[in-house]
């Protein structure tokens, strides 16, 4: 069995921590042969200690390299992409869970970690040709709106939160500034420009989840058009 190497962002969060433990459990059971790189802000934090201790207590670490913590990564800092490029060296799979965990704050708190964090992860994937699969946590907030409530219908990657009026007009105008290129819009616009949009102000969590996923899909599609073969999955 070929050994895989997983990079997990937000590894000490609720979802990220469970993913780390599940990957190690699958490896110990022989269902998967993998090492895990857990990306964290502070490798010496209590959260890291607790996660590593739990993994050892449960017998999930059989080799020293099976779980390593890559610390010092703040997705809002300018060096985040550079650090993630190093963290992702030799990585075959990326699982991106790091994001703001509250829906009650304003756009300045919720949107930057989602957009800037996803940009940093995508640039690390672009730089490391060993990566062949990416998964990221999304939300029903990315697809659900008053205009497309479920009603028993299946919502897929073809469905998005629907905007109307000023919200839609503003975003269309912003994207057109960059020739209709959503990647350039989200990577070259300032945080202030993005957070000032009507949709971002009214529903920052929906905006963050919807456009971080759209950005990832567009970016991975572009890389695949350039010769890569990356699978992207998003989980609501």
C-alpha atoms as a PDB file:
ATOM      1  CA  UNK A   1       0.000   0.000   0.000  1.00  0.00           C
ATOM      2  CA  UNK A   2       1.378   3.388  -1.010  1.00  0.00           C
ATOM      3  CA  UNK A   3       1.906   5.736   1.920  1.00  0.00           C
ATOM      4  CA  UNK A   4      -0.024   8.987   1.778  1.00  0.00           C
ATOM      5  CA  UNK A   5       0.765  12.225   3.563  1.00  0.00           C
ATOM      6  CA  UNK A   6      -2.095  14.395   4.755  1.00  0.00           C
ATOM      7  CA  UNK A   7      -1.917  18.061   5.684  1.00  0.00           C
ATOM      8  CA  UNK A   8      -4.745  19.225   7.949  1.00  0.00           C
ATOM      9  CA  UNK A   9      -5.347  22.910   8.670  1.00  0.00           C
ATOM     10  CA  UNK A  10      -7.281  23.881  11.771  1.00  0.00           C
ATOM     11  CA  UNK A  11      -6.006  20.635  13.277  1.00  0.00           C
ATOM     12  CA  UNK A  12      -6.747  21.587  16.886  1.00  0.00           C
ATOM     13  CA  UNK A  13     -10.293  22.675  16.098  1.00  0.00           C
ATOM     14  CA  UNK A  14     -13.289  20.434  16.717  1.00  0.00           C
ATOM     15  CA  UNK A  15     -13.546  19.095  13.162  1.00  0.00           C
ATOM     16  CA  UNK A  16      -9.822  19.176  12.427  1.00  0.00           C
ATOM     17  CA  UNK A  17      -8.952  17.283  15.583  1.00  0.00           C
ATOM     18  CA  UNK A  18     -11.429  14.526  14.792  1.00  0.00           C
ATOM     19  CA  UNK A  19     -10.032  14.274  11.252  1.00  0.00           C
ATOM     20  CA  UNK A  20      -6.471  13.894  12.554  1.00  0.00           C
ATOM     21  CA  UNK A  21      -7.511  11.123  14.927  1.00  0.00           C
ATOM     22  CA  UNK A  22      -9.598   9.348  12.290  1.00  0.00           C
ATOM     23  CA  UNK A  23      -6.745   9.382   9.768  1.00  0.00           C
ATOM     24  CA  UNK A  24      -4.358   7.939  12.344  1.00  0.00           C
ATOM     25  CA  UNK A  25      -6.930   5.329  13.385  1.00  0.00           C
ATOM     26  CA  UNK A  26      -7.349   4.211   9.771  1.00  0.00           C
ATOM     27  CA  UNK A  27      -3.584   3.977   9.431  1.00  0.00           C
ATOM     28  CA  UNK A  28      -3.164   1.931  12.613  1.00  0.00           C
ATOM     29  CA  UNK A  29      -5.959  -0.436  11.525  1.00  0.00           C
ATOM     30  CA  UNK A  30      -4.260  -1.021   8.173  1.00  0.00           C
ATOM     31  CA  UNK A  31      -7.059   0.508   6.116  1.00  0.00           C
ATOM     32  CA  UNK A  32      -4.794   3.418   5.186  1.00  0.00           C
ATOM     33  CA  UNK A  33      -1.042   3.986   5.337  1.00  0.00           C
ATOM     34  CA  UNK A  34      -0.461   7.642   6.077  1.00  0.00           C
ATOM     35  CA  UNK A  35       1.408  10.341   7.936  1.00  0.00           C
ATOM     36  CA  UNK A  36      -0.329  13.508   9.125  1.00  0.00           C
ATOM     37  CA  UNK A  37       0.992  17.065   9.209  1.00  0.00           C
ATOM     38  CA  UNK A  38      -1.179  19.097  11.567  1.00  0.00           C
ATOM     39  CA  UNK A  39      -0.969  22.827  10.840  1.00  0.00           C
ATOM     40  CA  UNK A  40      -1.437  25.008  13.932  1.00  0.00           C
ATOM     41  CA  UNK A  41      -0.735  28.526  15.139  1.00  0.00           C
ATOM     42  CA  UNK A  42       1.258  27.474  18.179  1.00  0.00           C
ATOM     43  CA  UNK A  43       2.838  24.023  18.298  1.00  0.00           C
ATOM     44  CA  UNK A  44       3.339  24.359  22.061  1.00  0.00           C
ATOM     45  CA  UNK A  45      -0.253  25.244  22.927  1.00  0.00           C
ATOM     46  CA  UNK A  46      -2.435  23.269  25.321  1.00  0.00           C
ATOM     47  CA  UNK A  47      -4.667  22.293  22.375  1.00  0.00           C
ATOM     48  CA  UNK A  48      -1.720  20.665  20.606  1.00  0.00           C
ATOM     49  CA  UNK A  49      -0.649  18.911  23.796  1.00  0.00           C
ATOM     50  CA  UNK A  50      -4.166  17.607  24.359  1.00  0.00           C
ATOM     51  CA  UNK A  51      -4.511  16.311  20.794  1.00  0.00           C
ATOM     52  CA  UNK A  52      -1.136  14.597  20.779  1.00  0.00           C
ATOM     53  CA  UNK A  53      -1.752  13.091  24.236  1.00  0.00           C
ATOM     54  CA  UNK A  54      -5.155  11.753  23.152  1.00  0.00           C
ATOM     55  CA  UNK A  55      -3.641  10.186  20.026  1.00  0.00           C
ATOM     56  CA  UNK A  56      -0.888   8.501  22.023  1.00  0.00           C
ATOM     57  CA  UNK A  57      -3.305   7.324  24.719  1.00  0.00           C
ATOM     58  CA  UNK A  58      -5.510   5.754  22.048  1.00  0.00           C
ATOM     59  CA  UNK A  59      -2.519   4.021  20.451  1.00  0.00           C
ATOM     60  CA  UNK A  60      -2.811   5.970  17.214  1.00  0.00           C
ATOM     61  CA  UNK A  61       0.867   6.820  16.786  1.00  0.00           C
ATOM     62  CA  UNK A  62       3.161   3.913  15.890  1.00  0.00           C
ATOM     63  CA  UNK A  63       5.937   5.910  14.178  1.00  0.00           C
ATOM     64  CA  UNK A  64       7.480   9.269  15.192  1.00  0.00           C
ATOM     65  CA  UNK A  65       6.742  10.781  11.766  1.00  0.00           C
ATOM     66  CA  UNK A  66       3.141   9.593  11.782  1.00  0.00           C
ATOM     67  CA  UNK A  67       1.970  12.839  13.431  1.00  0.00           C
ATOM     68  CA  UNK A  68       3.911  16.075  13.203  1.00  0.00           C
ATOM     69  CA  UNK A  69       2.778  19.559  14.151  1.00  0.00           C
ATOM     70  CA  UNK A  70       3.746  22.465  11.908  1.00  0.00           C
ATOM     71  CA  UNK A  71       3.393  25.582  14.044  1.00  0.00           C
ATOM     72  CA  UNK A  72       3.574  29.316  13.526  1.00  0.00           C
ATOM     73  CA  UNK A  73       0.949  29.471  10.789  1.00  0.00           C
ATOM     74  CA  UNK A  74      -1.566  32.302  11.111  1.00  0.00           C
ATOM     75  CA  UNK A  75      -3.702  32.342   7.982  1.00  0.00           C
ATOM     76  CA  UNK A  76      -4.176  36.110   8.304  1.00  0.00           C
ATOM     77  CA  UNK A  77      -0.448  36.854   8.192  1.00  0.00           C
ATOM     78  CA  UNK A  78       1.411  37.730   5.006  1.00  0.00           C
ATOM     79  CA  UNK A  79       3.760  34.758   5.377  1.00  0.00           C
ATOM     80  CA  UNK A  80       0.969  32.164   5.637  1.00  0.00           C
ATOM     81  CA  UNK A  81       1.316  30.939   2.041  1.00  0.00           C
ATOM     82  CA  UNK A  82       5.103  30.713   2.315  1.00  0.00           C
ATOM     83  CA  UNK A  83       4.857  28.667   5.517  1.00  0.00           C
ATOM     84  CA  UNK A  84       2.176  26.397   4.080  1.00  0.00           C
ATOM     85  CA  UNK A  85       4.325  25.735   1.020  1.00  0.00           C
ATOM     86  CA  UNK A  86       6.952  24.337   3.407  1.00  0.00           C
ATOM     87  CA  UNK A  87       4.390  22.439   5.474  1.00  0.00           C
ATOM     88  CA  UNK A  88       2.945  20.822   2.341  1.00  0.00           C
ATOM     89  CA  UNK A  89       6.250  19.466   1.067  1.00  0.00           C
ATOM     90  CA  UNK A  90       5.645  15.871  -0.030  1.00  0.00           C
ATOM     91  CA  UNK A  91       1.975  16.060   0.919  1.00  0.00           C
ATOM     92  CA  UNK A  92      -0.467  14.044  -1.198  1.00  0.00           C
ATOM     93  CA  UNK A  93      -3.760  15.153   0.386  1.00  0.00           C
ATOM     94  CA  UNK A  94      -4.846  18.475   1.894  1.00  0.00           C
ATOM     95  CA  UNK A  95      -7.809  18.850   4.242  1.00  0.00           C
ATOM     96  CA  UNK A  96      -8.584  22.508   4.894  1.00  0.00           C
ATOM     97  CA  UNK A  97     -10.790  23.063   7.949  1.00  0.00           C
ATOM     98  CA  UNK A  98      -9.361  26.295   9.388  1.00  0.00           C
ATOM     99  CA  UNK A  99     -11.921  29.122   9.412  1.00  0.00           C
ATOM    100  CA  UNK A 100     -13.753  31.493  11.686  1.00  0.00           C
ATOM    101  CA  UNK A 101     -16.053  29.482  13.932  1.00  0.00           C
ATOM    102  CA  UNK A 102     -18.664  32.116  14.693  1.00  0.00           C
ATOM    103  CA  UNK A 103     -21.579  33.322  12.616  1.00  0.00           C
ATOM    104  CA  UNK A 104     -22.402  36.213  14.934  1.00  0.00           C
ATOM    105  CA  UNK A 105     -19.486  38.532  14.122  1.00  0.00           C
ATOM    106  CA  UNK A 106     -19.176  41.103  11.351  1.00  0.00           C
ATOM    107  CA  UNK A 107     -17.546  40.663   7.933  1.00  0.00           C
ATOM    108  CA  UNK A 108     -14.149  41.917   9.118  1.00  0.00           C
ATOM    109  CA  UNK A 109     -13.924  38.932  11.493  1.00  0.00           C
ATOM    110  CA  UNK A 110     -15.522  36.173   9.420  1.00  0.00           C
ATOM    111  CA  UNK A 111     -14.466  36.829   5.826  1.00  0.00           C
ATOM    112  CA  UNK A 112     -10.648  37.344   5.944  1.00  0.00           C
ATOM    113  CA  UNK A 113      -9.828  33.906   7.450  1.00  0.00           C
ATOM    114  CA  UNK A 114     -12.052  32.236   4.855  1.00  0.00           C
ATOM    115  CA  UNK A 115     -10.757  34.051   1.774  1.00  0.00           C
ATOM    116  CA  UNK A 116      -7.132  34.763   2.723  1.00  0.00           C
ATOM    117  CA  UNK A 117      -6.772  31.384   4.385  1.00  0.00           C
ATOM    118  CA  UNK A 118      -8.066  29.561   1.323  1.00  0.00           C
ATOM    119  CA  UNK A 119      -5.758  31.586  -0.926  1.00  0.00           C
ATOM    120  CA  UNK A 120      -2.751  30.592   1.196  1.00  0.00           C
ATOM    121  CA  UNK A 121      -3.723  26.909   1.091  1.00  0.00           C
ATOM    122  CA  UNK A 122      -4.290  27.003  -2.671  1.00  0.00           C
ATOM    123  CA  UNK A 123      -0.898  28.595  -3.288  1.00  0.00           C
ATOM    124  CA  UNK A 124       0.738  25.858  -1.228  1.00  0.00           C
ATOM    125  CA  UNK A 125      -1.085  23.264  -3.327  1.00  0.00           C
ATOM    126  CA  UNK A 126       0.052  24.994  -6.518  1.00  0.00           C
ATOM    127  CA  UNK A 127       3.680  24.938  -5.358  1.00  0.00           C
ATOM    128  CA  UNK A 128       3.652  21.276  -4.310  1.00  0.00           C
ATOM    129  CA  UNK A 129       2.981  19.001  -7.261  1.00  0.00           C
ATOM    130  CA  UNK A 130       2.737  15.987  -4.961  1.00  0.00           C
ATOM    131  CA  UNK A 131      -0.776  17.099  -3.907  1.00  0.00           C
ATOM    132  CA  UNK A 132      -3.437  15.149  -5.750  1.00  0.00           C
ATOM    133  CA  UNK A 133      -6.563  15.619  -3.626  1.00  0.00           C
ATOM    134  CA  UNK A 134      -8.058  18.462  -1.604  1.00  0.00           C
ATOM    135  CA  UNK A 135     -11.026  18.538   0.744  1.00  0.00           C
ATOM    136  CA  UNK A 136     -12.379  21.594   2.500  1.00  0.00           C
ATOM    137  CA  UNK A 137     -15.183  22.219   4.927  1.00  0.00           C
ATOM    138  CA  UNK A 138     -17.957  24.306   3.441  1.00  0.00           C
ATOM    139  CA  UNK A 139     -21.488  24.874   4.730  1.00  0.00           C
ATOM    140  CA  UNK A 140     -25.116  24.795   3.704  1.00  0.00           C
ATOM    141  CA  UNK A 141     -24.742  28.572   3.982  1.00  0.00           C
ATOM    142  CA  UNK A 142     -22.895  28.435   0.656  1.00  0.00           C
ATOM    143  CA  UNK A 143     -25.875  26.978  -1.188  1.00  0.00           C
ATOM    144  CA  UNK A 144     -28.987  27.824   0.789  1.00  0.00           C
ATOM    145  CA  UNK A 145     -30.910  31.088   0.555  1.00  0.00           C
ATOM    146  CA  UNK A 146     -34.504  32.254   0.726  1.00  0.00           C
ATOM    147  CA  UNK A 147     -34.701  31.790  -3.035  1.00  0.00           C
ATOM    148  CA  UNK A 148     -33.651  28.131  -3.032  1.00  0.00           C
ATOM    149  CA  UNK A 149     -34.803  26.546   0.204  1.00  0.00           C
ATOM    150  CA  UNK A 150     -34.497  22.787   0.097  1.00  0.00           C
ATOM    151  CA  UNK A 151     -38.132  21.704  -0.217  1.00  0.00           C
ATOM    152  CA  UNK A 152     -36.935  18.127  -0.614  1.00  0.00           C
ATOM    153  CA  UNK A 153     -34.702  18.907  -3.611  1.00  0.00           C
ATOM    154  CA  UNK A 154     -31.065  17.812  -3.708  1.00  0.00           C
ATOM    155  CA  UNK A 155     -28.623  20.724  -3.682  1.00  0.00           C
ATOM    156  CA  UNK A 156     -25.250  20.097  -5.354  1.00  0.00           C
ATOM    157  CA  UNK A 157     -22.126  22.004  -6.376  1.00  0.00           C
ATOM    158  CA  UNK A 158     -24.245  23.565  -9.113  1.00  0.00           C
ATOM    159  CA  UNK A 159     -26.385  25.365  -6.513  1.00  0.00           C
ATOM    160  CA  UNK A 160     -25.269  28.536  -4.761  1.00  0.00           C
ATOM    161  CA  UNK A 161     -26.723  31.033  -2.340  1.00  0.00           C
ATOM    162  CA  UNK A 162     -28.775  33.325  -4.582  1.00  0.00           C
ATOM    163  CA  UNK A 163     -28.417  37.093  -4.399  1.00  0.00           C
ATOM    164  CA  UNK A 164     -30.767  39.749  -5.666  1.00  0.00           C
ATOM    165  CA  UNK A 165     -30.761  43.496  -6.220  1.00  0.00           C
ATOM    166  CA  UNK A 166     -27.844  45.546  -4.941  1.00  0.00           C
ATOM    167  CA  UNK A 167     -26.005  42.497  -3.587  1.00  0.00           C
ATOM    168  CA  UNK A 168     -25.821  40.828  -7.001  1.00  0.00           C
ATOM    169  CA  UNK A 169     -25.157  44.060  -8.893  1.00  0.00           C
ATOM    170  CA  UNK A 170     -22.227  45.068  -6.692  1.00  0.00           C
ATOM    171  CA  UNK A 171     -20.479  41.719  -6.938  1.00  0.00           C
ATOM    172  CA  UNK A 172     -21.001  41.485 -10.686  1.00  0.00           C
ATOM    173  CA  UNK A 173     -19.430  44.927 -11.075  1.00  0.00           C
ATOM    174  CA  UNK A 174     -16.468  43.968  -8.884  1.00  0.00           C
ATOM    175  CA  UNK A 175     -15.778  40.736 -10.756  1.00  0.00           C
ATOM    176  CA  UNK A 176     -16.055  42.542 -14.103  1.00  0.00           C
ATOM    177  CA  UNK A 177     -13.266  44.885 -12.951  1.00  0.00           C
ATOM    178  CA  UNK A 178     -11.010  41.850 -13.192  1.00  0.00           C
ATOM    179  CA  UNK A 179     -12.289  40.619 -16.530  1.00  0.00           C
ATOM    180  CA  UNK A 180     -14.756  38.232 -14.943  1.00  0.00           C
ATOM    181  CA  UNK A 181     -11.917  36.370 -13.206  1.00  0.00           C
ATOM    182  CA  UNK A 182     -13.107  35.364  -9.721  1.00  0.00           C
ATOM    183  CA  UNK A 183      -9.595  34.314  -8.728  1.00  0.00           C
ATOM    184  CA  UNK A 184      -8.132  37.737  -9.493  1.00  0.00           C
ATOM    185  CA  UNK A 185     -11.062  39.472  -7.814  1.00  0.00           C
ATOM    186  CA  UNK A 186     -10.671  37.596  -4.534  1.00  0.00           C
ATOM    187  CA  UNK A 187      -6.861  37.549  -4.494  1.00  0.00           C
ATOM    188  CA  UNK A 188      -6.206  41.119  -5.653  1.00  0.00           C
ATOM    189  CA  UNK A 189      -9.022  43.038  -3.929  1.00  0.00           C
ATOM    190  CA  UNK A 190      -8.336  44.444  -0.477  1.00  0.00           C
ATOM    191  CA  UNK A 191     -10.101  43.105   2.587  1.00  0.00           C
ATOM    192  CA  UNK A 192     -11.807  46.468   2.963  1.00  0.00           C
ATOM    193  CA  UNK A 193     -13.175  46.349  -0.594  1.00  0.00           C
ATOM    194  CA  UNK A 194     -14.588  42.857  -0.119  1.00  0.00           C
ATOM    195  CA  UNK A 195     -16.055  43.489   3.339  1.00  0.00           C
ATOM    196  CA  UNK A 196     -17.781  46.683   2.173  1.00  0.00           C
ATOM    197  CA  UNK A 197     -20.032  44.838  -0.290  1.00  0.00           C
ATOM    198  CA  UNK A 198     -23.729  44.681   0.572  1.00  0.00           C
ATOM    199  CA  UNK A 199     -23.823  40.871   0.566  1.00  0.00           C
ATOM    200  CA  UNK A 200     -20.716  40.681   2.766  1.00  0.00           C
ATOM    201  CA  UNK A 201     -22.194  43.160   5.256  1.00  0.00           C
ATOM    202  CA  UNK A 202     -25.634  41.545   5.373  1.00  0.00           C
ATOM    203  CA  UNK A 203     -24.597  37.872   5.499  1.00  0.00           C
ATOM    204  CA  UNK A 204     -20.854  37.598   6.101  1.00  0.00           C
ATOM    205  CA  UNK A 205     -20.909  33.875   6.926  1.00  0.00           C
ATOM    206  CA  UNK A 206     -22.787  33.022   3.721  1.00  0.00           C
ATOM    207  CA  UNK A 207     -20.377  35.197   1.754  1.00  0.00           C
ATOM    208  CA  UNK A 208     -17.314  33.618   3.366  1.00  0.00           C
ATOM    209  CA  UNK A 209     -18.408  30.041   2.772  1.00  0.00           C
ATOM    210  CA  UNK A 210     -19.770  30.606  -0.722  1.00  0.00           C
ATOM    211  CA  UNK A 211     -16.809  32.540  -2.103  1.00  0.00           C
ATOM    212  CA  UNK A 212     -14.059  30.529  -0.415  1.00  0.00           C
ATOM    213  CA  UNK A 213     -15.550  27.442  -2.078  1.00  0.00           C
ATOM    214  CA  UNK A 214     -16.020  29.190  -5.440  1.00  0.00           C
ATOM    215  CA  UNK A 215     -12.426  30.393  -5.224  1.00  0.00           C
ATOM    216  CA  UNK A 216     -11.144  26.885  -4.501  1.00  0.00           C
ATOM    217  CA  UNK A 217     -13.121  25.364  -7.356  1.00  0.00           C
ATOM    218  CA  UNK A 218     -11.915  27.980  -9.841  1.00  0.00           C
ATOM    219  CA  UNK A 219      -8.305  27.717  -8.667  1.00  0.00           C
ATOM    220  CA  UNK A 220      -8.164  23.923  -8.807  1.00  0.00           C
ATOM    221  CA  UNK A 221      -9.851  23.932 -12.220  1.00  0.00           C
ATOM    222  CA  UNK A 222      -7.198  26.357 -13.458  1.00  0.00           C
ATOM    223  CA  UNK A 223      -4.389  24.159 -12.100  1.00  0.00           C
ATOM    224  CA  UNK A 224      -5.920  21.109 -13.775  1.00  0.00           C
ATOM    225  CA  UNK A 225      -6.114  22.975 -17.072  1.00  0.00           C
ATOM    226  CA  UNK A 226      -2.372  23.573 -16.688  1.00  0.00           C
ATOM    227  CA  UNK A 227      -1.693  19.851 -16.415  1.00  0.00           C
ATOM    228  CA  UNK A 228      -2.344  18.965 -12.774  1.00  0.00           C
ATOM    229  CA  UNK A 229      -4.821  16.245 -11.790  1.00  0.00           C
ATOM    230  CA  UNK A 230      -6.304  17.370  -8.470  1.00  0.00           C
ATOM    231  CA  UNK A 231      -9.601  16.218  -7.029  1.00  0.00           C
ATOM    232  CA  UNK A 232     -11.492  18.789  -4.942  1.00  0.00           C
ATOM    233  CA  UNK A 233     -14.249  17.830  -2.497  1.00  0.00           C
ATOM    234  CA  UNK A 234     -16.220  20.161  -0.291  1.00  0.00           C
ATOM    235  CA  UNK A 235     -18.202  19.024   2.721  1.00  0.00           C
ATOM    236  CA  UNK A 236     -21.232  20.870   4.064  1.00  0.00           C
END
